[in-house]
Amino acid sequence: MTDPETTDFIQTTRTSYDTIAKDYSAAFPGIPDLPVDMSMIAAFAALVKANGTAPVADLGSGPGHITAHLNDLGVQTFGIDLSPAMVTLAREAHPAVRFHRGSMTSLDLPDETLGGILALYSIIHIPDDHLPATFAGFHRVLVPGGHVLLSFQKGETPGLHLTERFGHEIDLRYYWRPAYAVGDMLAKAGLDVAATLIREPVGPEKRPRAFVLARKPG
């Protein structure tokens, strides 16, 4: 069986974010000034708290600002990121919050231990054929009634391949998807879609943003 940690797209994504980690963190120094996005995160936090006290995993936590914000909202949250450099920076910026290196495609967590999963702009680096197994993993680790909140750039085109960012050479692929396609994959993984929101681009953004909120029955 192939080790997910050695899969080509995992390796190239990890190396690319290791390369740009410091510049990325400097470019995004805090939680975004985006009221719609933050309202969705607040709603997710409220739903998680209403279902119990199980923790939340922020998958693709990057610099850790949203992970720390969820903790400030009263939700026990820890971050998981593919990039060791990102994990180091997140720990330095938020020493009271736990951050671990790992991949959302192979969560090293016991069954039914998470009250919620947050993945903001991180499934965009996972190819379509790997998403069903990834979402099945989400279902496995969530407690009954646990919630998932995903955000991603909405689109029908395949995405893009960046070979440079912040002046560094990288190899990073992005996958755009319509919200209904992500919702269908979540449903096939046994997760009920509770809400879908599309936000138009703001400022320098070029594509609409999609948010999909889903719940494990229970």
C-alpha atoms as a PDB file:
ATOM      1  CA  MET A   1       0.000   0.000   0.000  1.00  0.00           C
ATOM      2  CA  THR A   2       1.272   3.491  -0.860  1.00  0.00           C
ATOM      3  CA  ASP A   3       2.147   5.679   2.107  1.00  0.00           C
ATOM      4  CA  PRO A   4       0.089   8.907   1.726  1.00  0.00           C
ATOM      5  CA  GLU A   5       3.031  10.878   3.117  1.00  0.00           C
ATOM      6  CA  THR A   6       5.147   9.865   0.096  1.00  0.00           C
ATOM      7  CA  THR A   7       2.525  10.690  -2.540  1.00  0.00           C
ATOM      8  CA  ASP A   8       3.889  13.138  -5.106  1.00  0.00           C
ATOM      9  CA  PHE A   9       1.354  15.912  -4.468  1.00  0.00           C
ATOM     10  CA  ILE A  10       1.917  15.646  -0.706  1.00  0.00           C
ATOM     11  CA  GLN A  11       5.668  16.000  -1.121  1.00  0.00           C
ATOM     12  CA  THR A  12       5.510  18.932  -3.543  1.00  0.00           C
ATOM     13  CA  THR A  13       2.898  20.773  -1.469  1.00  0.00           C
ATOM     14  CA  ARG A  14       4.925  20.320   1.718  1.00  0.00           C
ATOM     15  CA  THR A  15       8.170  21.456   0.076  1.00  0.00           C
ATOM     16  CA  SER A  16       6.500  24.470  -1.538  1.00  0.00           C
ATOM     17  CA  TYR A  17       5.001  25.722   1.742  1.00  0.00           C
ATOM     18  CA  ASP A  18       8.245  25.078   3.591  1.00  0.00           C
ATOM     19  CA  THR A  19       9.910  27.309   0.995  1.00  0.00           C
ATOM     20  CA  ILE A  20       7.474  30.222   1.295  1.00  0.00           C
ATOM     21  CA  ALA A  21       6.451  29.837   4.959  1.00  0.00           C
ATOM     22  CA  LYS A  22       8.103  33.001   6.296  1.00  0.00           C
ATOM     23  CA  ASP A  23       6.927  35.189   3.407  1.00  0.00           C
ATOM     24  CA  TYR A  24       3.416  33.723   3.533  1.00  0.00           C
ATOM     25  CA  SER A  25       3.167  34.382   7.273  1.00  0.00           C
ATOM     26  CA  ALA A  26       4.391  37.952   6.790  1.00  0.00           C
ATOM     27  CA  ALA A  27       1.823  38.518   4.025  1.00  0.00           C
ATOM     28  CA  PHE A  28      -1.034  37.210   6.207  1.00  0.00           C
ATOM     29  CA  PRO A  29      -0.134  38.429   9.717  1.00  0.00           C
ATOM     30  CA  GLY A  30      -3.523  37.963  11.413  1.00  0.00           C
ATOM     31  CA  ILE A  31      -7.132  36.899  11.018  1.00  0.00           C
ATOM     32  CA  PRO A  32      -8.644  38.288   7.800  1.00  0.00           C
ATOM     33  CA  ASP A  33     -10.823  41.402   7.794  1.00  0.00           C
ATOM     34  CA  LEU A  34     -13.603  39.528   5.985  1.00  0.00           C
ATOM     35  CA  PRO A  35     -16.922  39.706   7.886  1.00  0.00           C
ATOM     36  CA  VAL A  36     -18.706  36.985   5.890  1.00  0.00           C
ATOM     37  CA  ASP A  37     -15.839  34.522   6.342  1.00  0.00           C
ATOM     38  CA  MET A  38     -15.507  35.248  10.044  1.00  0.00           C
ATOM     39  CA  SER A  39     -19.270  34.900  10.504  1.00  0.00           C
ATOM     40  CA  MET A  40     -19.132  31.404   9.026  1.00  0.00           C
ATOM     41  CA  ILE A  41     -16.289  30.506  11.391  1.00  0.00           C
ATOM     42  CA  ALA A  42     -18.259  31.896  14.349  1.00  0.00           C
ATOM     43  CA  ALA A  43     -21.326  29.862  13.336  1.00  0.00           C
ATOM     44  CA  PHE A  44     -19.172  26.745  13.058  1.00  0.00           C
ATOM     45  CA  ALA A  45     -17.746  27.389  16.535  1.00  0.00           C
ATOM     46  CA  ALA A  46     -21.243  27.803  18.005  1.00  0.00           C
ATOM     47  CA  LEU A  47     -22.429  24.544  16.449  1.00  0.00           C
ATOM     48  CA  VAL A  48     -19.404  22.648  17.738  1.00  0.00           C
ATOM     49  CA  LYS A  49     -19.891  23.984  21.276  1.00  0.00           C
ATOM     50  CA  ALA A  50     -23.582  23.109  21.181  1.00  0.00           C
ATOM     51  CA  ASN A  51     -22.708  19.473  20.413  1.00  0.00           C
ATOM     52  CA  GLY A  52     -20.266  18.933  23.289  1.00  0.00           C
ATOM     53  CA  THR A  53     -16.672  19.499  24.334  1.00  0.00           C
ATOM     54  CA  ALA A  54     -14.712  17.387  21.845  1.00  0.00           C
ATOM     55  CA  PRO A  55     -11.863  19.360  20.228  1.00  0.00           C
ATOM     56  CA  VAL A  56     -11.590  20.799  16.727  1.00  0.00           C
ATOM     57  CA  ALA A  57      -8.789  20.118  14.264  1.00  0.00           C
ATOM     58  CA  ASP A  58      -7.820  23.022  11.993  1.00  0.00           C
ATOM     59  CA  LEU A  59      -6.446  21.206   8.939  1.00  0.00           C
ATOM     60  CA  GLY A  60      -3.963  23.201   6.914  1.00  0.00           C
ATOM     61  CA  SER A  61      -3.584  25.604   9.830  1.00  0.00           C
ATOM     62  CA  GLY A  62      -0.711  27.575   8.270  1.00  0.00           C
ATOM     63  CA  PRO A  63       0.411  30.471  10.506  1.00  0.00           C
ATOM     64  CA  GLY A  64      -2.199  29.428  13.081  1.00  0.00           C
ATOM     65  CA  HIS A  65      -4.234  32.621  13.347  1.00  0.00           C
ATOM     66  CA  ILE A  66      -7.625  30.962  12.855  1.00  0.00           C
ATOM     67  CA  THR A  67      -6.662  28.089  15.166  1.00  0.00           C
ATOM     68  CA  ALA A  68      -5.912  30.611  17.904  1.00  0.00           C
ATOM     69  CA  HIS A  69      -9.100  32.546  17.099  1.00  0.00           C
ATOM     70  CA  LEU A  70     -11.251  29.439  17.601  1.00  0.00           C
ATOM     71  CA  ASN A  71      -9.616  28.899  20.979  1.00  0.00           C
ATOM     72  CA  ASP A  72     -10.487  32.506  21.835  1.00  0.00           C
ATOM     73  CA  LEU A  73     -14.104  31.690  20.926  1.00  0.00           C
ATOM     74  CA  GLY A  74     -14.073  28.955  23.545  1.00  0.00           C
ATOM     75  CA  VAL A  75     -13.491  25.969  21.263  1.00  0.00           C
ATOM     76  CA  GLN A  76     -10.567  23.712  22.140  1.00  0.00           C
ATOM     77  CA  THR A  77      -8.700  23.679  18.829  1.00  0.00           C
ATOM     78  CA  PHE A  78      -5.371  22.372  17.588  1.00  0.00           C
ATOM     79  CA  GLY A  79      -3.715  22.865  14.220  1.00  0.00           C
ATOM     80  CA  ILE A  80      -2.390  20.313  11.753  1.00  0.00           C
ATOM     81  CA  ASP A  81      -0.273  21.365   8.799  1.00  0.00           C
ATOM     82  CA  LEU A  82       1.717  19.501   6.185  1.00  0.00           C
ATOM     83  CA  SER A  83       4.623  21.952   6.357  1.00  0.00           C
ATOM     84  CA  PRO A  84       7.080  21.665   9.279  1.00  0.00           C
ATOM     85  CA  ALA A  85       8.148  25.274   8.659  1.00  0.00           C
ATOM     86  CA  MET A  86       4.545  26.466   8.981  1.00  0.00           C
ATOM     87  CA  VAL A  87       4.098  24.474  12.187  1.00  0.00           C
ATOM     88  CA  THR A  88       7.233  26.082  13.654  1.00  0.00           C
ATOM     89  CA  LEU A  89       6.024  29.593  12.810  1.00  0.00           C
ATOM     90  CA  ALA A  90       2.542  28.884  14.202  1.00  0.00           C
ATOM     91  CA  ARG A  91       4.008  27.622  17.481  1.00  0.00           C
ATOM     92  CA  GLU A  92       6.170  30.744  17.769  1.00  0.00           C
ATOM     93  CA  ALA A  93       3.222  33.067  17.079  1.00  0.00           C
ATOM     94  CA  HIS A  94       0.732  31.201  19.306  1.00  0.00           C
ATOM     95  CA  PRO A  95       2.665  29.376  22.052  1.00  0.00           C
ATOM     96  CA  ALA A  96      -0.501  28.556  24.026  1.00  0.00           C
ATOM     97  CA  VAL A  97      -1.996  26.580  21.105  1.00  0.00           C
ATOM     98  CA  ARG A  98      -1.045  23.084  19.945  1.00  0.00           C
ATOM     99  CA  PHE A  99       0.211  22.587  16.386  1.00  0.00           C
ATOM    100  CA  HIS A 100       1.278  19.320  14.794  1.00  0.00           C
ATOM    101  CA  ARG A 101       2.692  18.248  11.455  1.00  0.00           C
ATOM    102  CA  GLY A 102       0.451  15.921   9.492  1.00  0.00           C
ATOM    103  CA  SER A 103      -1.730  15.430   6.444  1.00  0.00           C
ATOM    104  CA  MET A 104      -5.497  15.657   6.201  1.00  0.00           C
ATOM    105  CA  THR A 105      -5.351  12.769   3.733  1.00  0.00           C
ATOM    106  CA  SER A 106      -4.179  10.400   6.492  1.00  0.00           C
ATOM    107  CA  LEU A 107      -5.312  11.705   9.868  1.00  0.00           C
ATOM    108  CA  ASP A 108      -3.459   9.992  12.701  1.00  0.00           C
ATOM    109  CA  LEU A 109      -6.365  10.341  15.134  1.00  0.00           C
ATOM    110  CA  PRO A 110      -8.623   7.811  16.894  1.00  0.00           C
ATOM    111  CA  ASP A 111     -12.164   7.232  15.676  1.00  0.00           C
ATOM    112  CA  GLU A 112     -14.875   9.637  16.850  1.00  0.00           C
ATOM    113  CA  THR A 113     -12.650  12.013  18.805  1.00  0.00           C
ATOM    114  CA  LEU A 114     -13.188  15.373  17.073  1.00  0.00           C
ATOM    115  CA  GLY A 115     -16.097  17.721  17.609  1.00  0.00           C
ATOM    116  CA  GLY A 116     -15.268  19.567  14.411  1.00  0.00           C
ATOM    117  CA  ILE A 117     -12.964  19.866  11.427  1.00  0.00           C
ATOM    118  CA  LEU A 118     -12.034  23.188   9.875  1.00  0.00           C
ATOM    119  CA  ALA A 119     -10.254  23.250   6.515  1.00  0.00           C
ATOM    120  CA  LEU A 120      -9.924  26.758   5.089  1.00  0.00           C
ATOM    121  CA  TYR A 121      -8.381  26.883   1.614  1.00  0.00           C
ATOM    122  CA  SER A 122      -6.516  23.623   2.158  1.00  0.00           C
ATOM    123  CA  ILE A 123      -8.519  21.060   0.156  1.00  0.00           C
ATOM    124  CA  ILE A 124      -7.553  23.202  -2.866  1.00  0.00           C
ATOM    125  CA  HIS A 125      -4.233  21.331  -3.024  1.00  0.00           C
ATOM    126  CA  ILE A 126      -5.805  17.844  -3.044  1.00  0.00           C
ATOM    127  CA  PRO A 127      -6.572  16.233  -6.433  1.00  0.00           C
ATOM    128  CA  ASP A 128     -10.153  15.140  -7.069  1.00  0.00           C
ATOM    129  CA  ASP A 129      -9.381  11.427  -6.879  1.00  0.00           C
ATOM    130  CA  HIS A 130      -7.996  11.798  -3.335  1.00  0.00           C
ATOM    131  CA  LEU A 131     -10.917  13.780  -1.884  1.00  0.00           C
ATOM    132  CA  PRO A 132     -13.391  10.895  -1.336  1.00  0.00           C
ATOM    133  CA  ALA A 133     -10.936   9.034   0.912  1.00  0.00           C
ATOM    134  CA  THR A 134     -10.030  12.291   2.666  1.00  0.00           C
ATOM    135  CA  PHE A 135     -13.686  13.016   3.449  1.00  0.00           C
ATOM    136  CA  ALA A 136     -14.198   9.418   4.591  1.00  0.00           C
ATOM    137  CA  GLY A 137     -11.361  10.075   7.043  1.00  0.00           C
ATOM    138  CA  PHE A 138     -13.194  13.167   8.284  1.00  0.00           C
ATOM    139  CA  HIS A 139     -16.292  11.059   8.920  1.00  0.00           C
ATOM    140  CA  ARG A 140     -14.238   8.478  10.819  1.00  0.00           C
ATOM    141  CA  VAL A 141     -12.675  10.911  13.309  1.00  0.00           C
ATOM    142  CA  LEU A 142     -15.761  13.054  13.970  1.00  0.00           C
ATOM    143  CA  VAL A 143     -18.036  12.370  16.903  1.00  0.00           C
ATOM    144  CA  PRO A 144     -21.733  11.908  16.065  1.00  0.00           C
ATOM    145  CA  GLY A 145     -23.128  15.388  15.465  1.00  0.00           C
ATOM    146  CA  GLY A 146     -19.663  16.776  14.691  1.00  0.00           C
ATOM    147  CA  HIS A 147     -19.311  19.475  12.044  1.00  0.00           C
ATOM    148  CA  VAL A 148     -17.018  20.195   9.099  1.00  0.00           C
ATOM    149  CA  LEU A 149     -16.474  23.647   7.609  1.00  0.00           C
ATOM    150  CA  LEU A 150     -14.638  23.866   4.297  1.00  0.00           C
ATOM    151  CA  SER A 151     -13.727  26.920   2.252  1.00  0.00           C
ATOM    152  CA  PHE A 152     -12.233  27.008  -1.225  1.00  0.00           C
ATOM    153  CA  GLN A 153     -12.111  29.002  -4.428  1.00  0.00           C
ATOM    154  CA  LYS A 154     -15.177  28.214  -6.535  1.00  0.00           C
ATOM    155  CA  GLY A 155     -14.681  27.350 -10.171  1.00  0.00           C
ATOM    156  CA  GLU A 156     -15.342  24.929 -12.993  1.00  0.00           C
ATOM    157  CA  THR A 157     -11.822  25.084 -14.474  1.00  0.00           C
ATOM    158  CA  PRO A 158      -9.073  22.666 -13.412  1.00  0.00           C
ATOM    159  CA  GLY A 159      -7.169  25.303 -11.432  1.00  0.00           C
ATOM    160  CA  LEU A 160      -3.597  26.429 -11.844  1.00  0.00           C
ATOM    161  CA  HIS A 161       0.007  25.414 -11.318  1.00  0.00           C
ATOM    162  CA  LEU A 162       2.302  27.930  -9.634  1.00  0.00           C
ATOM    163  CA  THR A 163       6.050  27.605 -10.095  1.00  0.00           C
ATOM    164  CA  GLU A 164       6.902  30.879  -8.316  1.00  0.00           C
ATOM    165  CA  ARG A 165       5.549  32.774  -5.331  1.00  0.00           C
ATOM    166  CA  PHE A 166       7.095  35.497  -3.174  1.00  0.00           C
ATOM    167  CA  GLY A 167      10.145  35.263  -5.407  1.00  0.00           C
ATOM    168  CA  HIS A 168      10.743  31.575  -4.601  1.00  0.00           C
ATOM    169  CA  GLU A 169      10.666  28.602  -6.941  1.00  0.00           C
ATOM    170  CA  ILE A 170       7.825  26.247  -5.971  1.00  0.00           C
ATOM    171  CA  ASP A 171       5.694  23.459  -7.418  1.00  0.00           C
ATOM    172  CA  LEU A 172       2.168  24.059  -6.130  1.00  0.00           C
ATOM    173  CA  ARG A 173      -1.062  22.967  -7.774  1.00  0.00           C
ATOM    174  CA  TYR A 174      -4.471  24.452  -7.006  1.00  0.00           C
ATOM    175  CA  TYR A 175      -7.789  22.766  -7.802  1.00  0.00           C
ATOM    176  CA  TRP A 176     -10.958  24.861  -8.254  1.00  0.00           C
ATOM    177  CA  ARG A 177     -14.315  23.169  -7.773  1.00  0.00           C
ATOM    178  CA  PRO A 178     -18.026  24.029  -7.786  1.00  0.00           C
ATOM    179  CA  ALA A 179     -19.597  23.929  -4.352  1.00  0.00           C
ATOM    180  CA  TYR A 180     -22.133  21.282  -5.362  1.00  0.00           C
ATOM    181  CA  ALA A 181     -19.334  18.866  -6.321  1.00  0.00           C
ATOM    182  CA  VAL A 182     -17.732  19.180  -2.892  1.00  0.00           C
ATOM    183  CA  GLY A 183     -21.142  18.788  -1.251  1.00  0.00           C
ATOM    184  CA  ASP A 184     -21.800  15.613  -3.248  1.00  0.00           C
ATOM    185  CA  MET A 185     -18.470  14.105  -2.147  1.00  0.00           C
ATOM    186  CA  LEU A 186     -19.179  14.954   1.492  1.00  0.00           C
ATOM    187  CA  ALA A 187     -22.606  13.318   1.218  1.00  0.00           C
ATOM    188  CA  LYS A 188     -21.090  10.152  -0.256  1.00  0.00           C
ATOM    189  CA  ALA A 189     -18.727  10.076   2.741  1.00  0.00           C
ATOM    190  CA  GLY A 190     -21.757  10.046   5.061  1.00  0.00           C
ATOM    191  CA  LEU A 191     -21.751  13.745   5.987  1.00  0.00           C
ATOM    192  CA  ASP A 192     -24.961  15.774   5.673  1.00  0.00           C
ATOM    193  CA  VAL A 193     -24.532  19.180   4.048  1.00  0.00           C
ATOM    194  CA  ALA A 194     -26.146  21.777   6.303  1.00  0.00           C
ATOM    195  CA  ALA A 195     -25.315  24.993   4.436  1.00  0.00           C
ATOM    196  CA  THR A 196     -23.551  26.280   1.349  1.00  0.00           C
ATOM    197  CA  LEU A 197     -22.517  29.905   0.936  1.00  0.00           C
ATOM    198  CA  ILE A 198     -20.912  31.607  -2.055  1.00  0.00           C
ATOM    199  CA  ARG A 199     -19.132  34.915  -1.509  1.00  0.00           C
ATOM    200  CA  GLU A 200     -18.098  37.141  -4.391  1.00  0.00           C
ATOM    201  CA  PRO A 201     -14.424  38.210  -4.670  1.00  0.00           C
ATOM    202  CA  VAL A 202     -13.207  40.938  -2.311  1.00  0.00           C
ATOM    203  CA  GLY A 203     -10.286  43.277  -2.984  1.00  0.00           C
ATOM    204  CA  PRO A 204      -7.529  41.501  -4.942  1.00  0.00           C
ATOM    205  CA  GLU A 205      -9.392  38.175  -5.041  1.00  0.00           C
ATOM    206  CA  LYS A 206     -10.185  36.924  -8.537  1.00  0.00           C
ATOM    207  CA  ARG A 207     -12.582  34.052  -7.826  1.00  0.00           C
ATOM    208  CA  PRO A 208     -15.719  33.599  -5.722  1.00  0.00           C
ATOM    209  CA  ARG A 209     -15.244  31.838  -2.399  1.00  0.00           C
ATOM    210  CA  ALA A 210     -17.341  28.845  -1.389  1.00  0.00           C
ATOM    211  CA  PHE A 211     -18.115  27.673   2.145  1.00  0.00           C
ATOM    212  CA  VAL A 212     -19.655  24.259   2.762  1.00  0.00           C
ATOM    213  CA  LEU A 213     -20.836  23.284   6.252  1.00  0.00           C
ATOM    214  CA  ALA A 214     -21.590  19.618   6.865  1.00  0.00           C
ATOM    215  CA  ARG A 215     -22.505  17.434   9.854  1.00  0.00           C
ATOM    216  CA  LYS A 216     -21.971  13.814  10.788  1.00  0.00           C
ATOM    217  CA  PRO A 217     -25.368  12.332  11.679  1.00  0.00           C
ATOM    218  CA  GLY A 218     -25.890  11.355  15.260  1.00  0.00           C
END
